[in-house]
């Protein structure tokens, strides 16, 4: 049913967290608690306990209970973005509409971080398509897809890291494969190959399946946090 499918997606999101190659350094290690959460857009044809008005308070309570340092959210619409920002003032945030205003009820990608713990050094976004700097569909993708990123500095240690939040297409196999490759290319270009980089999001696929095979070529550079988590 809908509940089981959504819980399966949330579990998958927690599992699909990747960290890029880290530069060796004598500086102290820093622990970071990250959360990836497909919050489900509010204009979905849901009913009963699944509608946003019923579950929005539970979403806030879950975030407060887990207290992640950084959160990557997929699918919130603008009213959801505003609600989360107002109810969680301890978090600063950036967001990007994947439609960039071209249609009503556009779905956003949003990143939130603890404002007292981190300084925002830089941020940006790109579309998962052959033209990442312009609003566009990618390959055989059913929807426009976008990745949002931030560069943060831990105030206590001075350590810096990049965090990329993505949402790959739910229908197009080529869009997922090429979208994953573009994410890696942009991570290496924006952050550098030796920087500390995190990628999480809704991959719309699982490792060990044909649709998740696109993740395997990047294992030499990225390390999966699935086993550790």
C-alpha atoms as a PDB file:
ATOM      1  CA  UNK A   1       0.000   0.000   0.000  1.00  0.00           C
ATOM      2  CA  UNK A   2       1.012   3.666  -0.061  1.00  0.00           C
ATOM      3  CA  UNK A   3       2.426   3.589   3.461  1.00  0.00           C
ATOM      4  CA  UNK A   4       4.641   0.592   2.801  1.00  0.00           C
ATOM      5  CA  UNK A   5       5.912   2.077  -0.460  1.00  0.00           C
ATOM      6  CA  UNK A   6       6.739   5.361   1.235  1.00  0.00           C
ATOM      7  CA  UNK A   7       8.506   3.667   4.152  1.00  0.00           C
ATOM      8  CA  UNK A   8      10.523   1.606   1.656  1.00  0.00           C
ATOM      9  CA  UNK A   9      11.551   4.824  -0.094  1.00  0.00           C
ATOM     10  CA  UNK A  10      12.578   6.475   3.192  1.00  0.00           C
ATOM     11  CA  UNK A  11      14.693   3.456   4.146  1.00  0.00           C
ATOM     12  CA  UNK A  12      16.306   3.528   0.705  1.00  0.00           C
ATOM     13  CA  UNK A  13      17.086   7.217   1.082  1.00  0.00           C
ATOM     14  CA  UNK A  14      18.857   6.606   4.362  1.00  0.00           C
ATOM     15  CA  UNK A  15      20.902   3.851   2.723  1.00  0.00           C
ATOM     16  CA  UNK A  16      21.936   5.784  -0.379  1.00  0.00           C
ATOM     17  CA  UNK A  17      24.407   8.198   1.169  1.00  0.00           C
ATOM     18  CA  UNK A  18      27.830   8.602  -0.388  1.00  0.00           C
ATOM     19  CA  UNK A  19      30.964  10.415   0.617  1.00  0.00           C
ATOM     20  CA  UNK A  20      33.610  11.533  -1.845  1.00  0.00           C
ATOM     21  CA  UNK A  21      37.332  11.063  -1.422  1.00  0.00           C
ATOM     22  CA  UNK A  22      38.682  12.922   1.602  1.00  0.00           C
ATOM     23  CA  UNK A  23      42.001  14.720   1.636  1.00  0.00           C
ATOM     24  CA  UNK A  24      44.443  13.447   4.237  1.00  0.00           C
ATOM     25  CA  UNK A  25      44.913  15.977   6.992  1.00  0.00           C
ATOM     26  CA  UNK A  26      46.289  16.289  10.510  1.00  0.00           C
ATOM     27  CA  UNK A  27      43.224  18.252  11.532  1.00  0.00           C
ATOM     28  CA  UNK A  28      40.817  16.537  13.949  1.00  0.00           C
ATOM     29  CA  UNK A  29      38.050  14.389  12.548  1.00  0.00           C
ATOM     30  CA  UNK A  30      34.545  15.826  12.642  1.00  0.00           C
ATOM     31  CA  UNK A  31      31.376  13.786  12.923  1.00  0.00           C
ATOM     32  CA  UNK A  32      28.460  14.935  10.770  1.00  0.00           C
ATOM     33  CA  UNK A  33      24.921  13.601  11.004  1.00  0.00           C
ATOM     34  CA  UNK A  34      23.160  13.882   7.666  1.00  0.00           C
ATOM     35  CA  UNK A  35      19.542  13.192   6.770  1.00  0.00           C
ATOM     36  CA  UNK A  36      18.025  12.669   3.322  1.00  0.00           C
ATOM     37  CA  UNK A  37      14.241  12.911   3.251  1.00  0.00           C
ATOM     38  CA  UNK A  38      11.782  12.731   0.359  1.00  0.00           C
ATOM     39  CA  UNK A  39       9.021  14.648   2.102  1.00  0.00           C
ATOM     40  CA  UNK A  40       6.446  14.016  -0.686  1.00  0.00           C
ATOM     41  CA  UNK A  41       4.864  16.958  -2.455  1.00  0.00           C
ATOM     42  CA  UNK A  42       1.651  18.324  -0.978  1.00  0.00           C
ATOM     43  CA  UNK A  43      -0.453  18.200  -4.170  1.00  0.00           C
ATOM     44  CA  UNK A  44      -0.134  14.438  -4.513  1.00  0.00           C
ATOM     45  CA  UNK A  45      -3.415  12.518  -4.715  1.00  0.00           C
ATOM     46  CA  UNK A  46      -3.125  11.265  -1.166  1.00  0.00           C
ATOM     47  CA  UNK A  47      -5.885  10.739   1.355  1.00  0.00           C
ATOM     48  CA  UNK A  48      -6.356  10.120   5.048  1.00  0.00           C
ATOM     49  CA  UNK A  49      -3.203  10.041   7.145  1.00  0.00           C
ATOM     50  CA  UNK A  50      -0.975  10.557   4.106  1.00  0.00           C
ATOM     51  CA  UNK A  51      -1.997  14.123   3.246  1.00  0.00           C
ATOM     52  CA  UNK A  52       0.491  16.852   4.103  1.00  0.00           C
ATOM     53  CA  UNK A  53      -1.792  18.674   6.546  1.00  0.00           C
ATOM     54  CA  UNK A  54      -1.996  15.522   8.659  1.00  0.00           C
ATOM     55  CA  UNK A  55       1.678  14.536   8.601  1.00  0.00           C
ATOM     56  CA  UNK A  56       3.466  17.908   8.551  1.00  0.00           C
ATOM     57  CA  UNK A  57       3.763  18.146  12.332  1.00  0.00           C
ATOM     58  CA  UNK A  58       5.160  14.615  12.472  1.00  0.00           C
ATOM     59  CA  UNK A  59       7.837  15.594   9.925  1.00  0.00           C
ATOM     60  CA  UNK A  60       8.976  18.484  12.097  1.00  0.00           C
ATOM     61  CA  UNK A  61       8.928  16.303  15.223  1.00  0.00           C
ATOM     62  CA  UNK A  62      11.010  13.631  13.482  1.00  0.00           C
ATOM     63  CA  UNK A  63      13.648  16.184  12.441  1.00  0.00           C
ATOM     64  CA  UNK A  64      13.794  17.616  15.949  1.00  0.00           C
ATOM     65  CA  UNK A  65      14.097  14.135  17.426  1.00  0.00           C
ATOM     66  CA  UNK A  66      16.929  13.086  15.101  1.00  0.00           C
ATOM     67  CA  UNK A  67      18.683  16.496  15.219  1.00  0.00           C
ATOM     68  CA  UNK A  68      20.695  16.094  11.992  1.00  0.00           C
ATOM     69  CA  UNK A  69      23.439  18.611  11.260  1.00  0.00           C
ATOM     70  CA  UNK A  70      22.452  18.852   7.593  1.00  0.00           C
ATOM     71  CA  UNK A  71      19.228  17.804   5.856  1.00  0.00           C
ATOM     72  CA  UNK A  72      18.615  17.241   2.147  1.00  0.00           C
ATOM     73  CA  UNK A  73      14.929  17.332   1.242  1.00  0.00           C
ATOM     74  CA  UNK A  74      13.368  16.270  -2.036  1.00  0.00           C
ATOM     75  CA  UNK A  75       9.932  17.213  -3.440  1.00  0.00           C
ATOM     76  CA  UNK A  76       8.715  19.959  -1.071  1.00  0.00           C
ATOM     77  CA  UNK A  77       6.513  22.563  -2.702  1.00  0.00           C
ATOM     78  CA  UNK A  78       6.909  26.214  -1.713  1.00  0.00           C
ATOM     79  CA  UNK A  79       4.324  26.117   1.139  1.00  0.00           C
ATOM     80  CA  UNK A  80       6.179  23.121   2.577  1.00  0.00           C
ATOM     81  CA  UNK A  81       9.507  24.940   2.267  1.00  0.00           C
ATOM     82  CA  UNK A  82       8.071  27.933   4.128  1.00  0.00           C
ATOM     83  CA  UNK A  83       6.484  25.745   6.795  1.00  0.00           C
ATOM     84  CA  UNK A  84       9.712  23.874   7.544  1.00  0.00           C
ATOM     85  CA  UNK A  85      11.721  27.101   7.634  1.00  0.00           C
ATOM     86  CA  UNK A  86       9.257  28.701  10.080  1.00  0.00           C
ATOM     87  CA  UNK A  87       8.963  25.668  12.356  1.00  0.00           C
ATOM     88  CA  UNK A  88      12.690  24.901  12.398  1.00  0.00           C
ATOM     89  CA  UNK A  89      14.322  28.318  12.938  1.00  0.00           C
ATOM     90  CA  UNK A  90      17.485  26.663  14.239  1.00  0.00           C
ATOM     91  CA  UNK A  91      18.202  25.650  10.637  1.00  0.00           C
ATOM     92  CA  UNK A  92      19.326  27.952   7.832  1.00  0.00           C
ATOM     93  CA  UNK A  93      18.421  26.817   4.323  1.00  0.00           C
ATOM     94  CA  UNK A  94      18.705  27.166   0.547  1.00  0.00           C
ATOM     95  CA  UNK A  95      16.272  25.790  -2.008  1.00  0.00           C
ATOM     96  CA  UNK A  96      15.689  25.588  -5.755  1.00  0.00           C
ATOM     97  CA  UNK A  97      12.515  24.952  -7.732  1.00  0.00           C
ATOM     98  CA  UNK A  98      13.297  22.301 -10.331  1.00  0.00           C
ATOM     99  CA  UNK A  99      10.840  24.070 -12.677  1.00  0.00           C
ATOM    100  CA  UNK A 100      12.420  27.470 -11.881  1.00  0.00           C
ATOM    101  CA  UNK A 101       8.985  29.096 -11.829  1.00  0.00           C
ATOM    102  CA  UNK A 102       7.817  27.681 -15.169  1.00  0.00           C
ATOM    103  CA  UNK A 103       4.800  25.968 -13.603  1.00  0.00           C
ATOM    104  CA  UNK A 104       2.685  26.240 -10.477  1.00  0.00           C
ATOM    105  CA  UNK A 105       3.226  23.832  -7.588  1.00  0.00           C
ATOM    106  CA  UNK A 106       6.823  23.207  -8.613  1.00  0.00           C
ATOM    107  CA  UNK A 107       8.774  20.726  -6.533  1.00  0.00           C
ATOM    108  CA  UNK A 108      11.908  21.995  -4.809  1.00  0.00           C
ATOM    109  CA  UNK A 109      15.150  20.558  -3.572  1.00  0.00           C
ATOM    110  CA  UNK A 110      16.081  22.052  -0.209  1.00  0.00           C
ATOM    111  CA  UNK A 111      19.111  21.883   2.067  1.00  0.00           C
ATOM    112  CA  UNK A 112      18.932  22.845   5.748  1.00  0.00           C
ATOM    113  CA  UNK A 113      21.824  23.096   8.222  1.00  0.00           C
ATOM    114  CA  UNK A 114      22.244  24.084  11.856  1.00  0.00           C
ATOM    115  CA  UNK A 115      22.881  27.818  11.697  1.00  0.00           C
ATOM    116  CA  UNK A 116      24.837  27.980  14.968  1.00  0.00           C
ATOM    117  CA  UNK A 117      27.172  25.153  13.951  1.00  0.00           C
ATOM    118  CA  UNK A 118      28.027  25.956  10.321  1.00  0.00           C
ATOM    119  CA  UNK A 119      28.853  28.942   8.148  1.00  0.00           C
ATOM    120  CA  UNK A 120      27.632  28.959   4.545  1.00  0.00           C
ATOM    121  CA  UNK A 121      30.589  29.632   2.248  1.00  0.00           C
ATOM    122  CA  UNK A 122      28.961  28.996  -1.127  1.00  0.00           C
ATOM    123  CA  UNK A 123      25.926  27.374  -2.744  1.00  0.00           C
ATOM    124  CA  UNK A 124      24.482  26.621  -6.156  1.00  0.00           C
ATOM    125  CA  UNK A 125      22.459  24.241  -8.307  1.00  0.00           C
ATOM    126  CA  UNK A 126      22.453  22.588 -11.715  1.00  0.00           C
ATOM    127  CA  UNK A 127      19.935  20.688 -13.812  1.00  0.00           C
ATOM    128  CA  UNK A 128      20.532  17.024 -14.579  1.00  0.00           C
ATOM    129  CA  UNK A 129      20.643  17.365 -18.338  1.00  0.00           C
ATOM    130  CA  UNK A 130      23.101  18.021 -21.196  1.00  0.00           C
ATOM    131  CA  UNK A 131      22.593  21.750 -20.425  1.00  0.00           C
ATOM    132  CA  UNK A 132      23.008  21.868 -16.625  1.00  0.00           C
ATOM    133  CA  UNK A 133      23.079  25.669 -16.416  1.00  0.00           C
ATOM    134  CA  UNK A 134      19.605  26.113 -17.920  1.00  0.00           C
ATOM    135  CA  UNK A 135      16.143  24.849 -16.945  1.00  0.00           C
ATOM    136  CA  UNK A 136      15.857  21.618 -18.914  1.00  0.00           C
ATOM    137  CA  UNK A 137      14.784  17.990 -19.181  1.00  0.00           C
ATOM    138  CA  UNK A 138      17.522  15.384 -19.177  1.00  0.00           C
ATOM    139  CA  UNK A 139      17.764  12.633 -21.793  1.00  0.00           C
ATOM    140  CA  UNK A 140      14.771  10.260 -21.394  1.00  0.00           C
ATOM    141  CA  UNK A 141      13.714  11.850 -18.101  1.00  0.00           C
ATOM    142  CA  UNK A 142      10.017  12.237 -17.343  1.00  0.00           C
ATOM    143  CA  UNK A 143      10.588  15.346 -15.183  1.00  0.00           C
ATOM    144  CA  UNK A 144      13.043  18.197 -14.912  1.00  0.00           C
ATOM    145  CA  UNK A 145      15.583  17.254 -12.263  1.00  0.00           C
ATOM    146  CA  UNK A 146      17.973  19.474 -10.343  1.00  0.00           C
ATOM    147  CA  UNK A 147      20.791  19.077  -7.810  1.00  0.00           C
ATOM    148  CA  UNK A 148      21.348  21.659  -5.074  1.00  0.00           C
ATOM    149  CA  UNK A 149      24.644  22.032  -3.217  1.00  0.00           C
ATOM    150  CA  UNK A 150      26.234  23.975  -0.366  1.00  0.00           C
ATOM    151  CA  UNK A 151      29.740  24.495   0.932  1.00  0.00           C
ATOM    152  CA  UNK A 152      29.782  24.680   4.725  1.00  0.00           C
ATOM    153  CA  UNK A 153      32.418  25.337   7.376  1.00  0.00           C
ATOM    154  CA  UNK A 154      32.239  23.802  10.818  1.00  0.00           C
ATOM    155  CA  UNK A 155      32.728  26.691  13.224  1.00  0.00           C
ATOM    156  CA  UNK A 156      34.319  24.621  15.990  1.00  0.00           C
ATOM    157  CA  UNK A 157      37.002  22.910  13.885  1.00  0.00           C
ATOM    158  CA  UNK A 158      37.249  25.093  10.788  1.00  0.00           C
ATOM    159  CA  UNK A 159      36.774  22.024   8.596  1.00  0.00           C
ATOM    160  CA  UNK A 160      34.985  22.615   5.299  1.00  0.00           C
ATOM    161  CA  UNK A 161      32.855  20.255   3.220  1.00  0.00           C
ATOM    162  CA  UNK A 162      30.423  20.235   0.299  1.00  0.00           C
ATOM    163  CA  UNK A 163      27.003  18.625   0.428  1.00  0.00           C
ATOM    164  CA  UNK A 164      25.047  17.775  -2.743  1.00  0.00           C
ATOM    165  CA  UNK A 165      21.332  16.920  -2.617  1.00  0.00           C
ATOM    166  CA  UNK A 166      19.850  15.255  -5.698  1.00  0.00           C
ATOM    167  CA  UNK A 167      16.723  13.540  -7.048  1.00  0.00           C
ATOM    168  CA  UNK A 168      17.179  11.270 -10.053  1.00  0.00           C
ATOM    169  CA  UNK A 169      14.374  10.549 -12.497  1.00  0.00           C
ATOM    170  CA  UNK A 170      11.811   7.889 -11.594  1.00  0.00           C
ATOM    171  CA  UNK A 171      11.236   6.592 -15.146  1.00  0.00           C
ATOM    172  CA  UNK A 172      14.199   7.255 -17.418  1.00  0.00           C
ATOM    173  CA  UNK A 173      17.025   4.721 -17.080  1.00  0.00           C
ATOM    174  CA  UNK A 174      19.320   6.855 -19.215  1.00  0.00           C
ATOM    175  CA  UNK A 175      18.391   9.937 -17.185  1.00  0.00           C
ATOM    176  CA  UNK A 176      19.381   8.139 -13.974  1.00  0.00           C
ATOM    177  CA  UNK A 177      22.643   6.824 -15.415  1.00  0.00           C
ATOM    178  CA  UNK A 178      23.708  10.085 -17.012  1.00  0.00           C
ATOM    179  CA  UNK A 179      22.352  12.122 -14.101  1.00  0.00           C
ATOM    180  CA  UNK A 180      24.551  10.169 -11.708  1.00  0.00           C
ATOM    181  CA  UNK A 181      27.578  10.696 -13.958  1.00  0.00           C
ATOM    182  CA  UNK A 182      26.833  14.426 -14.152  1.00  0.00           C
ATOM    183  CA  UNK A 183      26.554  14.638 -10.375  1.00  0.00           C
ATOM    184  CA  UNK A 184      30.004  13.107  -9.982  1.00  0.00           C
ATOM    185  CA  UNK A 185      31.452  15.352 -12.700  1.00  0.00           C
ATOM    186  CA  UNK A 186      30.010  18.472 -11.059  1.00  0.00           C
ATOM    187  CA  UNK A 187      31.077  17.374  -7.569  1.00  0.00           C
ATOM    188  CA  UNK A 188      34.654  16.986  -8.749  1.00  0.00           C
ATOM    189  CA  UNK A 189      34.542  20.293 -10.649  1.00  0.00           C
ATOM    190  CA  UNK A 190      32.911  22.359  -7.897  1.00  0.00           C
ATOM    191  CA  UNK A 191      34.488  20.823  -4.808  1.00  0.00           C
ATOM    192  CA  UNK A 192      37.658  19.256  -6.190  1.00  0.00           C
ATOM    193  CA  UNK A 193      38.684  15.625  -6.333  1.00  0.00           C
ATOM    194  CA  UNK A 194      40.414  15.672  -2.937  1.00  0.00           C
ATOM    195  CA  UNK A 195      37.819  17.616  -0.965  1.00  0.00           C
ATOM    196  CA  UNK A 196      35.325  16.203   1.527  1.00  0.00           C
ATOM    197  CA  UNK A 197      32.072  15.793  -0.397  1.00  0.00           C
ATOM    198  CA  UNK A 198      28.750  14.207   0.473  1.00  0.00           C
ATOM    199  CA  UNK A 199      26.036  13.170  -1.987  1.00  0.00           C
ATOM    200  CA  UNK A 200      22.621  11.997  -0.909  1.00  0.00           C
ATOM    201  CA  UNK A 201      19.102  12.040  -2.247  1.00  0.00           C
ATOM    202  CA  UNK A 202      16.370  10.007  -3.844  1.00  0.00           C
ATOM    203  CA  UNK A 203      18.103   7.846  -6.447  1.00  0.00           C
ATOM    204  CA  UNK A 204      14.884   6.052  -7.497  1.00  0.00           C
ATOM    205  CA  UNK A 205      16.867   2.812  -7.604  1.00  0.00           C
ATOM    206  CA  UNK A 206      18.664   0.305  -5.416  1.00  0.00           C
ATOM    207  CA  UNK A 207      22.205  -0.983  -5.506  1.00  0.00           C
ATOM    208  CA  UNK A 208      22.446  -4.546  -6.750  1.00  0.00           C
ATOM    209  CA  UNK A 209      19.651  -4.078  -9.272  1.00  0.00           C
ATOM    210  CA  UNK A 210      19.881  -3.258 -13.001  1.00  0.00           C
ATOM    211  CA  UNK A 211      18.516   0.233 -12.382  1.00  0.00           C
ATOM    212  CA  UNK A 212      21.092   0.807  -9.641  1.00  0.00           C
ATOM    213  CA  UNK A 213      24.097  -0.404 -11.648  1.00  0.00           C
ATOM    214  CA  UNK A 214      25.008   3.183 -12.593  1.00  0.00           C
ATOM    215  CA  UNK A 215      26.382   3.691  -9.077  1.00  0.00           C
ATOM    216  CA  UNK A 216      29.039   1.000  -9.324  1.00  0.00           C
ATOM    217  CA  UNK A 217      31.617   2.809 -11.565  1.00  0.00           C
ATOM    218  CA  UNK A 218      32.030   5.545  -8.943  1.00  0.00           C
ATOM    219  CA  UNK A 219      32.920   3.247  -6.051  1.00  0.00           C
ATOM    220  CA  UNK A 220      36.606   3.944  -6.681  1.00  0.00           C
ATOM    221  CA  UNK A 221      36.065   7.600  -5.812  1.00  0.00           C
ATOM    222  CA  UNK A 222      33.018   7.530  -3.546  1.00  0.00           C
ATOM    223  CA  UNK A 223      32.434   5.356  -0.522  1.00  0.00           C
ATOM    224  CA  UNK A 224      28.961   4.140   0.381  1.00  0.00           C
ATOM    225  CA  UNK A 225      27.806   4.949   3.915  1.00  0.00           C
ATOM    226  CA  UNK A 226      25.189   2.200   3.763  1.00  0.00           C
ATOM    227  CA  UNK A 227      27.186  -0.395   5.716  1.00  0.00           C
ATOM    228  CA  UNK A 228      28.364   2.135   8.299  1.00  0.00           C
ATOM    229  CA  UNK A 229      24.847   3.517   8.783  1.00  0.00           C
END
